[in-house]
Amino acid sequence: MAFDFKQFFSSLGKTSEELGEKTLVVKKNRCPQNHRCPAISACPSGALSQRGNAAPVVNYKKCTSCGKCTRYCITRALKMERA
């Protein structure tokens, strides 16, 4: 299968919303907020933070939307959703 240059270059300069990329969302109603969030240490870019046992907060400037943190959230409070 050949590389599609037209598709690649047509996406340059578009925002993540225009491309339909997924972003990280914290579902606070699914988070028990009674423990240290294991997803924070799993984030390779350090985009998640937490105060006490509250639900984690996402720094979208650091987040690369890799989704690794979602695999460490057993309650599925962290989800990747289309913008």
C-alpha atoms as a PDB file:
ATOM      1  CA  MET A   1       0.000   0.000   0.000  1.00  0.00           C
ATOM      2  CA  ALA A   2       1.470   3.344  -1.035  1.00  0.00           C
ATOM      3  CA  PHE A   3       1.702   6.368   1.222  1.00  0.00           C
ATOM      4  CA  ASP A   4      -1.114   8.839   0.559  1.00  0.00           C
ATOM      5  CA  PHE A   5       0.653  12.205   0.237  1.00  0.00           C
ATOM      6  CA  LYS A   6      -2.552  14.026  -0.653  1.00  0.00           C
ATOM      7  CA  GLN A   7      -4.256  12.945   2.558  1.00  0.00           C
ATOM      8  CA  PHE A   8      -1.173  13.720   4.645  1.00  0.00           C
ATOM      9  CA  PHE A   9      -0.675  17.249   3.307  1.00  0.00           C
ATOM     10  CA  SER A  10      -4.381  18.078   3.367  1.00  0.00           C
ATOM     11  CA  SER A  11      -4.392  17.618   7.158  1.00  0.00           C
ATOM     12  CA  LEU A  12      -1.539  20.088   7.796  1.00  0.00           C
ATOM     13  CA  GLY A  13      -2.606  23.265   9.553  1.00  0.00           C
ATOM     14  CA  LYS A  14      -5.953  21.868  10.708  1.00  0.00           C
ATOM     15  CA  THR A  15      -6.980  21.820  14.362  1.00  0.00           C
ATOM     16  CA  SER A  16      -7.684  18.594  16.236  1.00  0.00           C
ATOM     17  CA  GLU A  17     -11.422  19.393  16.091  1.00  0.00           C
ATOM     18  CA  GLU A  18     -11.301  19.676  12.298  1.00  0.00           C
ATOM     19  CA  LEU A  19      -9.450  16.375  12.044  1.00  0.00           C
ATOM     20  CA  GLY A  20     -11.808  14.608  14.438  1.00  0.00           C
ATOM     21  CA  GLU A  21      -8.983  13.540  16.731  1.00  0.00           C
ATOM     22  CA  LYS A  22      -9.728  12.252  20.195  1.00  0.00           C
ATOM     23  CA  THR A  23      -8.992  14.192  23.365  1.00  0.00           C
ATOM     24  CA  LEU A  24      -8.819  13.070  26.971  1.00  0.00           C
ATOM     25  CA  VAL A  25     -11.937  13.653  29.080  1.00  0.00           C
ATOM     26  CA  VAL A  26     -12.288  13.120  32.849  1.00  0.00           C
ATOM     27  CA  LYS A  27     -15.693  11.715  33.815  1.00  0.00           C
ATOM     28  CA  LYS A  28     -15.826  12.969  37.415  1.00  0.00           C
ATOM     29  CA  ASN A  29     -19.030  11.049  38.156  1.00  0.00           C
ATOM     30  CA  ARG A  30     -17.173   7.772  37.419  1.00  0.00           C
ATOM     31  CA  CYS A  31     -14.130   8.636  39.567  1.00  0.00           C
ATOM     32  CA  PRO A  32     -14.460   7.448  43.194  1.00  0.00           C
ATOM     33  CA  GLN A  33     -12.120  10.270  44.313  1.00  0.00           C
ATOM     34  CA  ASN A  34     -10.906   8.269  47.305  1.00  0.00           C
ATOM     35  CA  HIS A  35      -7.359   7.327  46.286  1.00  0.00           C
ATOM     36  CA  ARG A  36      -4.264   8.488  44.434  1.00  0.00           C
ATOM     37  CA  CYS A  37      -4.984   8.125  40.711  1.00  0.00           C
ATOM     38  CA  PRO A  38      -2.698   5.459  39.161  1.00  0.00           C
ATOM     39  CA  ALA A  39      -3.035   7.044  35.720  1.00  0.00           C
ATOM     40  CA  ILE A  40      -1.029  10.087  36.813  1.00  0.00           C
ATOM     41  CA  SER A  41       2.233   8.171  37.014  1.00  0.00           C
ATOM     42  CA  ALA A  42       1.405   6.346  33.768  1.00  0.00           C
ATOM     43  CA  CYS A  43       1.179   9.565  31.727  1.00  0.00           C
ATOM     44  CA  PRO A  44       4.405   9.864  29.696  1.00  0.00           C
ATOM     45  CA  SER A  45       4.028  13.628  29.185  1.00  0.00           C
ATOM     46  CA  GLY A  46       3.061  14.562  32.756  1.00  0.00           C
ATOM     47  CA  ALA A  47      -0.257  16.030  31.638  1.00  0.00           C
ATOM     48  CA  LEU A  48      -2.292  14.715  34.587  1.00  0.00           C
ATOM     49  CA  SER A  49      -2.278  16.205  38.075  1.00  0.00           C
ATOM     50  CA  GLN A  50      -4.317  15.625  41.207  1.00  0.00           C
ATOM     51  CA  ARG A  51      -4.968  17.538  44.418  1.00  0.00           C
ATOM     52  CA  GLY A  52      -5.457  15.196  47.337  1.00  0.00           C
ATOM     53  CA  ASN A  53      -7.833  12.442  46.273  1.00  0.00           C
ATOM     54  CA  ALA A  54      -9.872  14.597  43.878  1.00  0.00           C
ATOM     55  CA  ALA A  55     -10.447  13.596  40.262  1.00  0.00           C
ATOM     56  CA  PRO A  56      -7.397  14.152  38.055  1.00  0.00           C
ATOM     57  CA  VAL A  57      -7.039  17.332  36.016  1.00  0.00           C
ATOM     58  CA  VAL A  58      -5.718  17.371  32.447  1.00  0.00           C
ATOM     59  CA  ASN A  59      -3.201  19.935  31.197  1.00  0.00           C
ATOM     60  CA  TYR A  60      -4.176  19.941  27.510  1.00  0.00           C
ATOM     61  CA  LYS A  61      -1.022  21.835  26.535  1.00  0.00           C
ATOM     62  CA  LYS A  62       1.046  18.836  27.681  1.00  0.00           C
ATOM     63  CA  CYS A  63      -1.367  16.052  26.695  1.00  0.00           C
ATOM     64  CA  THR A  64      -0.365  14.189  23.525  1.00  0.00           C
ATOM     65  CA  SER A  65      -3.653  12.195  23.356  1.00  0.00           C
ATOM     66  CA  CYS A  66      -1.778   8.900  23.449  1.00  0.00           C
ATOM     67  CA  GLY A  67      -4.478   7.288  25.630  1.00  0.00           C
ATOM     68  CA  LYS A  68      -2.037   5.414  27.865  1.00  0.00           C
ATOM     69  CA  CYS A  69      -3.649   6.814  31.021  1.00  0.00           C
ATOM     70  CA  THR A  70      -7.035   5.356  30.087  1.00  0.00           C
ATOM     71  CA  ARG A  71      -5.623   1.836  30.432  1.00  0.00           C
ATOM     72  CA  TYR A  72      -4.674   2.542  34.070  1.00  0.00           C
ATOM     73  CA  CYS A  73      -8.098   3.854  35.138  1.00  0.00           C
ATOM     74  CA  ILE A  74     -10.070   0.827  36.336  1.00  0.00           C
ATOM     75  CA  THR A  75     -13.307   2.822  36.754  1.00  0.00           C
ATOM     76  CA  ARG A  76     -13.014   4.198  33.194  1.00  0.00           C
ATOM     77  CA  ALA A  77     -13.258   7.769  34.412  1.00  0.00           C
ATOM     78  CA  LEU A  78     -10.590   8.709  31.845  1.00  0.00           C
ATOM     79  CA  LYS A  79     -11.858   8.394  28.287  1.00  0.00           C
ATOM     80  CA  MET A  80     -10.628   9.384  24.859  1.00  0.00           C
ATOM     81  CA  GLU A  81     -13.476  11.098  23.006  1.00  0.00           C
ATOM     82  CA  ARG A  82     -13.835  12.922  19.719  1.00  0.00           C
ATOM     83  CA  ALA A  83     -13.898  16.688  20.139  1.00  0.00           C
END
